């Protein structure tokens, strides 16, 4: 390994876990923040505004405020574990090293259901949107086009992906600004009865406990995506706290975008009690049409489709490929997926596999957005439950942390919130998720018989390459270099010893 690699940011972090640096460390904390925002989609409320409006009795901004409070606990748990284990596997690595490697596999397997189906969901959704603008073009053609573009972006390299993320985030924010200006002008002029009101935030006449429960389920799922930041930990040059800062910052920023847009939209239609079912899907775009014109309505529809079909899908494909790479590198999935392209420094085969799976599923699930969504939610929420347990186990029990709020209270509250949402998930989601989980148990049994450990080509030889590299107290877990374990008694550079900071 070269001298440059030896002293690169994060090289020591990887070495203590038994890995060598293979992915390109080219992402700043700002890049991670932008990636998370793109993954969560600042304009996400556009497509579901009418549906959420009906469910929340017009209090759409309240839904997102509830979601922010609910998901902050999960984001804090991610931040704590990403600081202790700044490696690419995200919740797979956190649970595996925080609790037990086999539970780590289960966590990785469940969130893999989310990550594998998210690109499919995005392509199907974007194809539906584009077919509304260009009805003569078949939906499968849009899926294929988006897939080719996104695979190329991810294949070129993470630095190019970061540039694409910046461009799309800029475009989305520009459209948000345009909407804000149009909405403020319409409210000032009283267009269509528009008026300044706080009812979209809180309407005492319609507020109830069951509404909060419904809003919680919708809201938590609206923020899925911030967790993808953790999969890029090995490509970050901002230090072991970088991912946590980006996750928490991204969550608050995207909540600001969600609340501001939906509050303004609510003030534009103060006398609307609900939207007809056949109009709910285009409710936001119809509002744009009322205050501007048909041209802007089409422009917003196109921006929504491109943001979902390209920007959001690029981020999803990137996160999925990194998770596959991490699990394969540890010998828990087929080893060929752990191959890193020597030029672009990306998990080439994992990217191509995700593209292939997405193509097949996308063509099969065209028009079945509801079914895909339910399965996606089960995978993410189950993994989040294990994440919260890992924080308590690693910090509270194993390290006997004195930070009760971050390492006991926060994870317990987060577990309760996620558990409530999962318990109230659709039956189809539970059945499909449990079937996927059962398959995962069989896969785990197969690879356990073969022996789990870091593949030789990904193992850091600390005795010959990294010199006097130290290890954390958990270096004895599967996935640590033998020579690093031998020095664990005299050295410890575990970044998690600085407690209480995100």
Protein backbone atom coordinates (compact mmCIF):
# COMPACT_ATOMS: atom_id res chain seq x y z
CA UNK A 1 0.00 0.00 0.00
CA UNK A 2 1.35 3.41 -0.87
CA UNK A 3 2.35 6.07 1.64
CA UNK A 4 -0.54 8.19 0.41
CA UNK A 5 -3.03 5.47 1.15
CA UNK A 6 -1.51 4.81 4.55
CA UNK A 7 -2.08 8.37 5.70
CA UNK A 8 -5.31 9.03 3.82
CA UNK A 9 -8.22 10.21 5.97
CA UNK A 10 -9.91 7.20 7.47
CA UNK A 11 -7.22 4.69 6.49
CA UNK A 12 -6.49 3.92 10.12
CA UNK A 13 -10.20 3.61 10.85
CA UNK A 14 -10.54 0.88 8.24
CA UNK A 15 -7.36 -0.91 9.28
CA UNK A 16 -8.56 -1.35 12.85
CA UNK A 17 -11.56 -3.24 11.50
CA UNK A 18 -9.36 -5.43 9.32
CA UNK A 19 -10.07 -3.75 5.97
CA UNK A 20 -7.86 -1.95 3.50
CA UNK A 21 -8.93 1.24 1.73
CA UNK A 22 -10.37 0.31 -1.69
CA UNK A 23 -13.16 2.79 -2.37
CA UNK A 24 -12.26 6.36 -3.30
CA UNK A 25 -12.35 8.86 -0.42
CA UNK A 26 -13.59 11.85 -2.38
CA UNK A 27 -16.73 12.97 -0.54
CA UNK A 28 -16.84 15.92 1.85
CA UNK A 29 -19.40 16.26 4.62
CA UNK A 30 -21.30 18.63 2.32
CA UNK A 31 -21.33 15.95 -0.39
CA UNK A 32 -22.80 13.47 2.11
CA UNK A 33 -25.42 16.02 3.14
CA UNK A 34 -26.38 16.65 -0.48
CA UNK A 35 -26.51 12.91 -1.13
CA UNK A 36 -28.91 12.47 1.78
CA UNK A 37 -31.12 15.33 0.63
CA UNK A 38 -31.28 13.93 -2.89
CA UNK A 39 -32.11 10.48 -1.49
CA UNK A 40 -34.98 11.91 0.61
CA UNK A 41 -36.11 14.18 -2.27
CA UNK A 42 -36.89 17.75 -1.08
CA UNK A 43 -39.86 17.83 -3.49
CA UNK A 44 -41.25 14.46 -2.32
CA UNK A 45 -44.51 15.99 -0.99
CA UNK A 46 -45.55 16.95 -4.52
CA UNK A 47 -46.50 13.43 -5.56
CA UNK A 48 -48.28 12.38 -2.36
CA UNK A 49 -49.74 15.70 -1.22
CA UNK A 50 -53.36 14.83 -2.02
CA UNK A 51 -53.18 11.41 -0.38
CA UNK A 52 -51.55 12.73 2.79
CA UNK A 53 -53.98 15.68 2.83
CA UNK A 54 -56.94 13.30 2.92
CA UNK A 55 -55.40 11.08 5.62
CA UNK A 56 -54.34 14.01 7.82
CA UNK A 57 -57.52 16.06 7.32
CA UNK A 58 -55.56 18.87 5.71
CA UNK A 59 -52.77 19.05 8.29
CA UNK A 60 -49.98 17.90 5.99
CA UNK A 61 -47.23 20.07 7.55
CA UNK A 62 -48.10 18.58 10.94
CA UNK A 63 -47.49 15.11 9.50
CA UNK A 64 -43.95 16.07 8.53
CA UNK A 65 -43.27 17.75 11.87
CA UNK A 66 -44.35 14.57 13.64
CA UNK A 67 -42.15 12.58 11.27
CA UNK A 68 -39.15 14.78 12.03
CA UNK A 69 -39.52 14.27 15.78
CA UNK A 70 -40.00 10.53 15.30
CA UNK A 71 -37.04 9.99 12.99
CA UNK A 72 -34.59 12.16 14.94
CA UNK A 73 -34.19 9.27 17.38
CA UNK A 74 -33.27 6.87 14.58
CA UNK A 75 -30.89 9.42 13.05
CA UNK A 76 -29.18 9.87 16.42
CA UNK A 77 -28.74 6.10 16.72
CA UNK A 78 -27.22 6.01 13.24
CA UNK A 79 -24.89 8.87 14.16
CA UNK A 80 -23.68 7.09 17.28
CA UNK A 81 -22.96 3.82 15.49
CA UNK A 82 -21.41 5.46 12.41
CA UNK A 83 -18.97 7.23 14.72
CA UNK A 84 -17.98 3.96 16.36
CA UNK A 85 -17.82 1.99 13.10
CA UNK A 86 -17.09 4.31 10.11
CA UNK A 87 -17.38 1.56 7.49
CA UNK A 88 -19.54 1.03 4.42
CA UNK A 89 -21.97 -1.60 5.68
CA UNK A 90 -24.31 0.83 7.46
CA UNK A 91 -26.80 -0.98 9.72
CA UNK A 92 -25.34 -4.35 8.69
CA UNK A 93 -21.97 -3.37 10.16
CA UNK A 94 -23.43 -1.54 13.15
CA UNK A 95 -25.59 -4.43 14.32
CA UNK A 96 -22.96 -7.04 13.44
CA UNK A 97 -20.25 -5.33 15.46
CA UNK A 98 -22.52 -3.81 18.09
CA UNK A 99 -24.45 -7.00 18.92
CA UNK A 100 -23.41 -10.11 16.96
CA UNK A 101 -22.30 -10.87 13.36
CA UNK A 102 -25.29 -13.12 12.68
CA UNK A 103 -27.75 -10.45 13.75
CA UNK A 104 -25.74 -8.07 11.60
CA UNK A 105 -26.44 -10.28 8.62
CA UNK A 106 -30.17 -10.26 9.45
CA UNK A 107 -30.12 -6.46 9.68
CA UNK A 108 -28.28 -6.21 6.36
CA UNK A 109 -30.60 -8.72 4.74
CA UNK A 110 -33.77 -6.93 5.85
CA UNK A 111 -32.62 -3.49 4.74
CA UNK A 112 -31.43 -5.10 1.51
CA UNK A 113 -35.11 -5.69 0.76
CA UNK A 114 -35.57 -1.93 1.07
CA UNK A 115 -32.49 -1.05 -0.97
CA UNK A 116 -33.16 -3.54 -3.77
CA UNK A 117 -36.77 -2.47 -4.19
CA UNK A 118 -36.33 1.29 -3.81
CA UNK A 119 -34.76 1.76 -7.29
CA UNK A 120 -37.57 -0.36 -8.73
CA UNK A 121 -40.20 1.74 -6.98
CA UNK A 122 -38.58 4.94 -8.20
CA UNK A 123 -38.38 3.82 -11.82
CA UNK A 124 -41.99 2.62 -11.83
CA UNK A 125 -43.15 5.87 -10.25
CA UNK A 126 -41.11 8.02 -12.64
CA UNK A 127 -42.35 6.01 -15.63
CA UNK A 128 -45.95 6.59 -14.51
CA UNK A 129 -45.28 10.34 -14.28
CA UNK A 130 -43.56 10.58 -17.66
CA UNK A 131 -46.29 8.58 -19.36
CA UNK A 132 -48.73 11.26 -18.23
CA UNK A 133 -46.65 13.86 -20.08
CA UNK A 134 -45.76 11.68 -23.09
CA UNK A 135 -48.56 9.08 -23.34
CA UNK A 136 -47.26 7.69 -26.64
CA UNK A 137 -44.01 6.48 -25.05
CA UNK A 138 -44.40 3.08 -23.31
CA UNK A 139 -43.58 2.93 -19.61
CA UNK A 140 -40.98 0.20 -20.06
CA UNK A 141 -39.00 2.56 -22.31
CA UNK A 142 -38.80 5.17 -19.54
CA UNK A 143 -37.68 2.53 -17.05
CA UNK A 144 -34.93 1.39 -19.41
CA UNK A 145 -33.80 4.96 -20.11
CA UNK A 146 -33.61 5.93 -16.44
CA UNK A 147 -31.82 2.67 -15.62
CA UNK A 148 -29.12 3.14 -18.27
CA UNK A 149 -28.46 6.76 -17.27
CA UNK A 150 -28.26 6.00 -13.55
CA UNK A 151 -26.06 2.93 -13.96
CA UNK A 152 -23.65 4.97 -16.08
CA UNK A 153 -23.52 7.74 -13.46
CA UNK A 154 -22.74 5.28 -10.66
CA UNK A 155 -20.25 3.34 -12.79
CA UNK A 156 -18.15 6.40 -13.66
CA UNK A 157 -17.32 7.04 -10.02
CA UNK A 158 -18.45 8.56 -6.75
CA UNK A 159 -17.02 12.01 -7.55
CA UNK A 160 -19.12 12.21 -10.72
CA UNK A 161 -22.13 10.98 -8.77
CA UNK A 162 -21.56 13.83 -6.31
CA UNK A 163 -21.59 16.34 -9.18
CA UNK A 164 -24.88 14.93 -10.50
CA UNK A 165 -26.34 15.12 -6.99
CA UNK A 166 -25.38 18.79 -6.72
CA UNK A 167 -26.95 19.61 -10.09
CA UNK A 168 -30.24 17.92 -9.28
CA UNK A 169 -30.45 19.34 -5.78
CA UNK A 170 -29.90 22.81 -7.24
CA UNK A 171 -32.71 22.20 -9.74
CA UNK A 172 -35.09 20.94 -7.04
CA UNK A 173 -34.37 23.91 -4.76
CA UNK A 174 -34.89 26.26 -7.72
CA UNK A 175 -38.35 24.79 -8.33
CA UNK A 176 -39.14 25.07 -4.62
CA UNK A 177 -38.21 28.77 -4.74
CA UNK A 178 -40.40 29.24 -7.83
CA UNK A 179 -43.34 27.61 -6.04
CA UNK A 180 -42.78 29.70 -2.91
CA UNK A 181 -42.79 32.92 -4.96
CA UNK A 182 -45.93 31.92 -6.88
CA UNK A 183 -47.68 30.85 -3.67
CA UNK A 184 -46.81 34.03 -1.76
CA UNK A 185 -48.07 36.18 -4.64
CA UNK A 186 -51.29 34.14 -4.87
CA UNK A 187 -51.88 34.37 -1.11
CA UNK A 188 -51.22 38.12 -1.13
CA UNK A 189 -53.75 38.54 -3.94
CA UNK A 190 -56.28 36.12 -2.44
CA UNK A 191 -56.26 34.02 -5.62
CA UNK A 192 -58.96 31.35 -5.43
CA UNK A 193 -59.67 32.22 -1.80
CA UNK A 194 -56.05 31.78 -0.69
CA UNK A 195 -55.33 33.21 2.74
CA UNK A 196 -52.78 33.20 5.55
CA UNK A 197 -53.80 30.51 8.06
CA UNK A 198 -52.27 28.15 10.61
CA UNK A 199 -54.87 25.43 10.05
CA UNK A 200 -52.52 23.32 7.89
CA UNK A 201 -50.19 23.17 10.91
CA UNK A 202 -52.87 22.55 13.53
CA UNK A 203 -56.65 22.49 13.30
CA UNK A 204 -58.18 21.85 16.73
CA UNK A 205 -61.52 20.91 15.18
CA UNK A 206 -59.99 18.02 13.23
CA UNK A 207 -57.11 16.97 15.47
CA UNK A 208 -57.37 13.62 17.28
CA UNK A 209 -55.19 10.85 18.71
CA UNK A 210 -56.01 8.39 15.88
CA UNK A 211 -54.99 11.08 13.40
CA UNK A 212 -51.59 11.35 15.11
CA UNK A 213 -51.16 7.58 14.82
CA UNK A 214 -52.02 7.69 11.12
CA UNK A 215 -49.75 10.67 10.58
CA UNK A 216 -46.88 8.91 12.35
CA UNK A 217 -47.02 5.95 9.98
CA UNK A 218 -47.06 8.20 6.91
CA UNK A 219 -44.43 10.58 8.23
CA UNK A 220 -41.82 8.04 9.27
CA UNK A 221 -41.88 6.48 5.82
CA UNK A 222 -41.56 9.91 4.18
CA UNK A 223 -38.09 10.38 5.68
CA UNK A 224 -36.62 7.05 4.59
CA UNK A 225 -33.36 7.65 2.73
CA UNK A 226 -31.24 9.59 5.21
CA UNK A 227 -29.81 6.24 6.34
CA UNK A 228 -28.22 5.76 2.92
CA UNK A 229 -25.56 8.30 3.93
CA UNK A 230 -24.03 5.69 6.22
CA UNK A 231 -23.25 3.40 3.27
CA UNK A 232 -20.76 6.00 1.98
CA UNK A 233 -18.66 6.15 5.15
CA UNK A 234 -15.62 4.62 3.46
CA UNK A 235 -15.81 7.24 0.71
CA UNK A 236 -15.96 10.20 3.08
CA UNK A 237 -12.92 12.36 3.77
CA UNK A 238 -14.58 14.28 6.59
CA UNK A 239 -13.71 12.02 9.51
CA UNK A 240 -15.66 9.50 11.56
CA UNK A 241 -18.32 12.05 12.60
CA UNK A 242 -19.04 13.15 9.04
CA UNK A 243 -21.84 10.68 8.30
CA UNK A 244 -23.66 11.43 11.55
CA UNK A 245 -23.53 15.18 11.00
CA UNK A 246 -24.83 14.77 7.44
CA UNK A 247 -27.68 12.46 8.51
CA UNK A 248 -28.98 14.72 11.27
CA UNK A 249 -28.46 17.91 9.26
CA UNK A 250 -30.14 16.41 6.21
CA UNK A 251 -33.13 15.29 8.25
CA UNK A 252 -33.78 18.80 9.58
CA UNK A 253 -33.19 20.46 6.20
CA UNK A 254 -35.52 18.19 4.29
CA UNK A 255 -38.15 18.61 7.01
CA UNK A 256 -37.92 22.38 6.50
CA UNK A 257 -38.52 21.89 2.76
CA UNK A 258 -41.44 19.52 3.39
CA UNK A 259 -43.18 21.76 5.93
CA UNK A 260 -42.72 25.04 4.06
CA UNK A 261 -44.07 23.70 0.76
CA UNK A 262 -47.06 21.90 2.23
CA UNK A 263 -47.97 24.80 4.52
CA UNK A 264 -48.06 27.18 1.56
CA UNK A 265 -50.03 24.64 -0.49
CA UNK A 266 -52.55 24.37 2.35
CA UNK A 267 -52.99 28.15 2.47
CA UNK A 268 -53.79 28.11 -1.26
CA UNK A 269 -56.81 25.82 -0.71
CA UNK A 270 -58.19 26.82 2.74
CA UNK A 271 -61.72 25.61 2.01
CA UNK A 272 -60.81 22.16 0.67
CA UNK A 273 -61.80 19.33 3.01
CA UNK A 274 -60.47 16.48 0.85
CA UNK A 275 -59.55 15.49 -2.69
CA UNK A 276 -61.48 12.93 -4.76
CA UNK A 277 -59.53 9.66 -4.92
CA UNK A 278 -58.92 9.96 -8.66
CA UNK A 279 -57.50 13.49 -8.22
CA UNK A 280 -55.36 12.98 -5.10
CA UNK A 281 -52.28 11.88 -7.05
CA UNK A 282 -52.09 15.15 -8.99
CA UNK A 283 -53.43 17.46 -6.28
CA UNK A 284 -50.23 19.46 -5.82
CA UNK A 285 -49.70 19.87 -9.55
CA UNK A 286 -53.31 21.00 -9.97
CA UNK A 287 -52.69 23.65 -7.30
CA UNK A 288 -49.64 24.83 -9.26
CA UNK A 289 -51.80 25.00 -12.38
CA UNK A 290 -54.41 27.12 -10.64
CA UNK A 291 -51.97 29.79 -9.49
CA UNK A 292 -49.75 29.86 -12.58
CA UNK A 293 -50.79 28.08 -15.72
CA UNK A 294 -50.65 24.78 -17.56
CA UNK A 295 -47.05 25.35 -18.66
CA UNK A 296 -45.73 25.49 -15.11
CA UNK A 297 -47.85 22.50 -14.13
CA UNK A 298 -46.17 20.38 -16.82
CA UNK A 299 -42.74 21.71 -15.81
CA UNK A 300 -43.33 20.69 -12.20
CA UNK A 301 -44.52 17.24 -13.32
CA UNK A 302 -41.37 16.79 -15.40
CA UNK A 303 -39.10 17.97 -12.57
CA UNK A 304 -40.76 15.54 -10.20
CA UNK A 305 -40.26 12.62 -12.60
CA UNK A 306 -36.60 13.47 -13.24
CA UNK A 307 -35.85 13.98 -9.54
CA UNK A 308 -37.29 10.58 -8.74
CA UNK A 309 -36.21 8.68 -11.85
CA UNK A 310 -32.64 9.96 -11.97
CA UNK A 311 -31.42 11.82 -8.86
CA UNK A 312 -33.21 9.75 -6.24
CA UNK A 313 -32.59 6.49 -8.11
CA UNK A 314 -28.86 7.25 -8.52
CA UNK A 315 -28.58 7.65 -4.75
CA UNK A 316 -30.56 4.47 -4.12
CA UNK A 317 -28.48 2.40 -6.54
CA UNK A 318 -25.30 3.74 -4.98
CA UNK A 319 -26.40 2.81 -1.45
CA UNK A 320 -27.53 -0.65 -2.52
CA UNK A 321 -24.25 -1.44 -4.26
CA UNK A 322 -22.23 -0.38 -1.19
CA UNK A 323 -24.29 -2.60 1.08
CA UNK A 324 -23.81 -5.57 -1.27
CA UNK A 325 -20.09 -4.81 -1.43
CA UNK A 326 -19.76 -4.70 2.36
CA UNK A 327 -21.64 -7.95 2.96
CA UNK A 328 -19.77 -9.73 0.17
CA UNK A 329 -16.42 -8.45 1.42
CA UNK A 330 -17.18 -10.21 4.72
CA UNK A 331 -17.98 -13.44 2.90
CA UNK A 332 -21.70 -13.26 3.72
CA UNK A 333 -22.84 -12.93 0.10
CA UNK A 334 -21.24 -14.21 -3.14
CA UNK A 335 -17.67 -12.92 -3.22
CA UNK A 336 -17.78 -11.69 -6.82
CA UNK A 337 -19.93 -8.75 -5.64
CA UNK A 338 -17.00 -7.41 -3.61
CA UNK A 339 -14.95 -6.59 -6.72
CA UNK A 340 -13.79 -2.96 -6.93
CA UNK A 341 -13.07 -1.43 -10.33
CA UNK A 342 -9.40 -0.34 -10.10
CA UNK A 343 -10.00 2.78 -12.20
CA UNK A 344 -13.28 4.19 -10.89
CA UNK A 345 -12.95 2.71 -7.37
CA UNK A 346 -16.60 1.62 -7.29
CA UNK A 347 -18.14 -1.81 -6.57
CA UNK A 348 -18.61 -2.50 -10.27
CA UNK A 349 -20.33 -5.88 -10.18
CA UNK A 350 -22.64 -4.88 -7.35
CA UNK A 351 -23.74 -1.84 -9.36
CA UNK A 352 -24.42 -3.97 -12.43
CA UNK A 353 -26.30 -6.59 -10.39
CA UNK A 354 -28.54 -3.92 -8.87
CA UNK A 355 -29.20 -2.62 -12.40
CA UNK A 356 -30.13 -6.10 -13.62
CA UNK A 357 -32.43 -6.84 -10.70
CA UNK A 358 -34.05 -3.43 -11.02
CA UNK A 359 -34.70 -3.93 -14.73
CA UNK A 360 -36.46 -7.26 -14.17
CA UNK A 361 -38.48 -6.06 -11.19
CA UNK A 362 -39.28 -2.73 -12.83
CA UNK A 363 -40.80 -4.37 -15.89
CA UNK A 364 -42.67 -6.87 -13.72
CA UNK A 365 -44.05 -4.35 -11.20
CA UNK A 366 -45.15 -1.60 -13.61
CA UNK A 367 -48.38 -0.19 -12.24
CA UNK A 368 -48.00 -1.86 -8.79
CA UNK A 369 -46.58 1.02 -6.76
CA UNK A 370 -48.57 0.15 -3.62
CA UNK A 371 -47.21 -3.40 -3.37
CA UNK A 372 -43.59 -2.33 -3.82
CA UNK A 373 -43.96 0.45 -1.25
CA UNK A 374 -45.27 -1.91 1.42
CA UNK A 375 -42.34 -4.31 1.01
CA UNK A 376 -39.80 -1.47 1.03
CA UNK A 377 -41.14 -0.19 4.33
CA UNK A 378 -40.91 -3.55 6.11
CA UNK A 379 -37.23 -3.97 5.29
CA UNK A 380 -36.18 -0.53 6.47
CA UNK A 381 -38.22 -0.52 9.66
CA UNK A 382 -37.04 -3.97 10.77
CA UNK A 383 -33.43 -2.93 10.28
CA UNK A 384 -34.07 0.26 12.27
CA UNK A 385 -35.34 -1.80 15.21
CA UNK A 386 -32.08 -3.77 15.29
CA UNK A 387 -30.12 -0.52 14.97
CA UNK A 388 -31.65 0.86 18.18
CA UNK A 389 -30.91 -2.39 20.00
CA UNK A 390 -27.29 -2.20 18.82
CA UNK A 391 -26.84 1.27 20.37
CA UNK A 392 -28.05 0.08 23.76
CA UNK A 393 -26.01 -3.13 23.55
CA UNK A 394 -22.77 -1.55 22.36
CA UNK A 395 -22.74 1.70 24.33
CA UNK A 396 -25.09 1.08 27.24
CA UNK A 397 -24.21 -2.52 28.10
CA UNK A 398 -20.80 -3.30 26.66
CA UNK A 399 -19.12 0.08 27.13
CA UNK A 400 -21.24 1.07 30.15
CA UNK A 401 -21.73 4.57 28.80
CA UNK A 402 -22.83 7.26 31.20
CA UNK A 403 -24.70 9.13 28.47
CA UNK A 404 -28.19 7.95 29.38
CA UNK A 405 -29.99 10.20 26.88
CA UNK A 406 -28.10 9.15 23.75
CA UNK A 407 -27.40 5.54 24.61
CA UNK A 408 -30.51 4.48 26.52
CA UNK A 409 -33.46 6.88 26.35
CA UNK A 410 -33.10 7.86 22.68
CA UNK A 411 -32.78 4.32 21.30
CA UNK A 412 -35.66 3.05 23.46
CA UNK A 413 -37.97 5.84 22.25
CA UNK A 414 -36.81 5.26 18.67
CA UNK A 415 -37.47 1.53 19.01
CA UNK A 416 -40.98 2.18 20.33
CA UNK A 417 -41.83 4.56 17.47
CA UNK A 418 -40.50 2.28 14.74
CA UNK A 419 -42.12 -0.73 16.40
CA UNK A 420 -45.49 1.03 16.41
CA UNK A 421 -45.23 1.86 12.71
CA UNK A 422 -44.12 -1.67 11.83
CA UNK A 423 -46.91 -3.22 13.89
CA UNK A 424 -49.46 -1.17 11.94
CA UNK A 425 -47.96 -1.97 8.54
CA UNK A 426 -50.14 -3.53 5.86
CA UNK A 427 -50.62 -7.33 6.12
CA UNK A 428 -49.09 -7.80 2.67
CA UNK A 429 -45.94 -6.02 3.84
CA UNK A 430 -45.66 -8.24 6.90
CA UNK A 431 -46.17 -11.45 4.94
CA UNK A 432 -43.77 -10.50 2.17
CA UNK A 433 -41.22 -9.24 4.67
CA UNK A 434 -41.35 -12.40 6.77
CA UNK A 435 -40.89 -14.55 3.67
CA UNK A 436 -37.82 -12.48 2.75
CA UNK A 437 -36.56 -12.83 6.32
CA UNK A 438 -36.99 -16.61 6.19
CA UNK A 439 -34.95 -16.74 2.98
CA UNK A 440 -32.29 -14.68 4.73
CA UNK A 441 -32.08 -17.18 7.59
CA UNK A 442 -31.43 -19.95 5.06
CA UNK A 443 -28.76 -17.88 3.32
CA UNK A 444 -27.14 -17.16 6.69
CA UNK A 445 -27.11 -20.87 7.54
CA UNK A 446 -25.43 -21.65 4.22
CA UNK A 447 -22.69 -19.05 4.57
CA UNK A 448 -22.19 -19.87 8.26
CA UNK A 449 -21.31 -23.43 7.29
CA UNK A 450 -18.70 -22.07 4.89
CA UNK A 451 -17.23 -19.81 7.56
CA UNK A 452 -17.67 -16.04 7.77
CA UNK A 453 -14.73 -13.70 7.47
CA UNK A 454 -13.17 -10.96 5.39
CA UNK A 455 -12.10 -12.18 1.97
CA UNK A 456 -8.30 -12.19 1.58
CA UNK A 457 -8.24 -9.60 -1.19
CA UNK A 458 -10.01 -7.07 1.06
CA UNK A 459 -8.08 -7.75 4.26
CA UNK A 460 -5.64 -5.18 5.59
CA UNK A 461 -2.27 -6.78 6.34
CA UNK A 462 -1.45 -4.51 9.25
CA UNK A 463 1.88 -6.22 9.86
CA UNK A 464 3.32 -5.37 6.46
CA UNK A 465 1.25 -2.55 5.02
CA UNK A 466 -0.02 -0.30 7.79
CA UNK A 467 2.67 -0.54 10.38
CA UNK A 468 1.67 0.04 13.98
CA UNK A 469 -2.10 0.20 13.40
CA UNK A 470 -4.31 -0.06 16.45
CA UNK A 471 -7.64 -1.68 16.97
CA UNK A 472 -10.87 -1.15 18.87
CA UNK A 473 -12.06 -3.31 21.72
CA UNK A 474 -14.30 -5.09 19.26
CA UNK A 475 -11.53 -6.10 16.90
CA UNK A 476 -12.05 -9.69 17.96
CA UNK A 477 -15.34 -9.80 16.06
CA UNK A 478 -15.29 -11.59 12.71
CA UNK A 479 -13.92 -9.11 10.23
CA UNK A 480 -10.76 -7.99 12.04
CA UNK A 481 -7.20 -8.70 11.01
CA UNK A 482 -5.41 -11.23 13.21
CA UNK A 483 -2.33 -9.06 13.70
CA UNK A 484 -4.50 -6.13 14.76
CA UNK A 485 -6.21 -8.31 17.37
CA UNK A 486 -2.86 -9.23 18.89
CA UNK A 487 -2.06 -5.57 19.57
CA UNK A 488 -5.52 -4.75 20.99
CA UNK A 489 -4.31 -5.01 24.57
CA UNK A 490 -1.80 -2.18 24.20
CA UNK A 491 -3.50 0.13 21.71
CA UNK A 492 -7.02 1.51 21.23
CA UNK A 493 -8.12 4.18 18.77
CA UNK A 494 -11.85 3.48 18.78
CA UNK A 495 -13.40 6.87 17.89
CA UNK A 496 -16.46 5.98 19.91
CA UNK A 497 -14.66 6.69 23.17
CA UNK A 498 -15.67 10.35 22.83
CA UNK A 499 -19.20 9.94 24.09
CA UNK A 500 -22.25 12.10 23.72
CA UNK A 501 -21.55 13.80 20.39
CA UNK A 502 -23.52 13.01 17.18
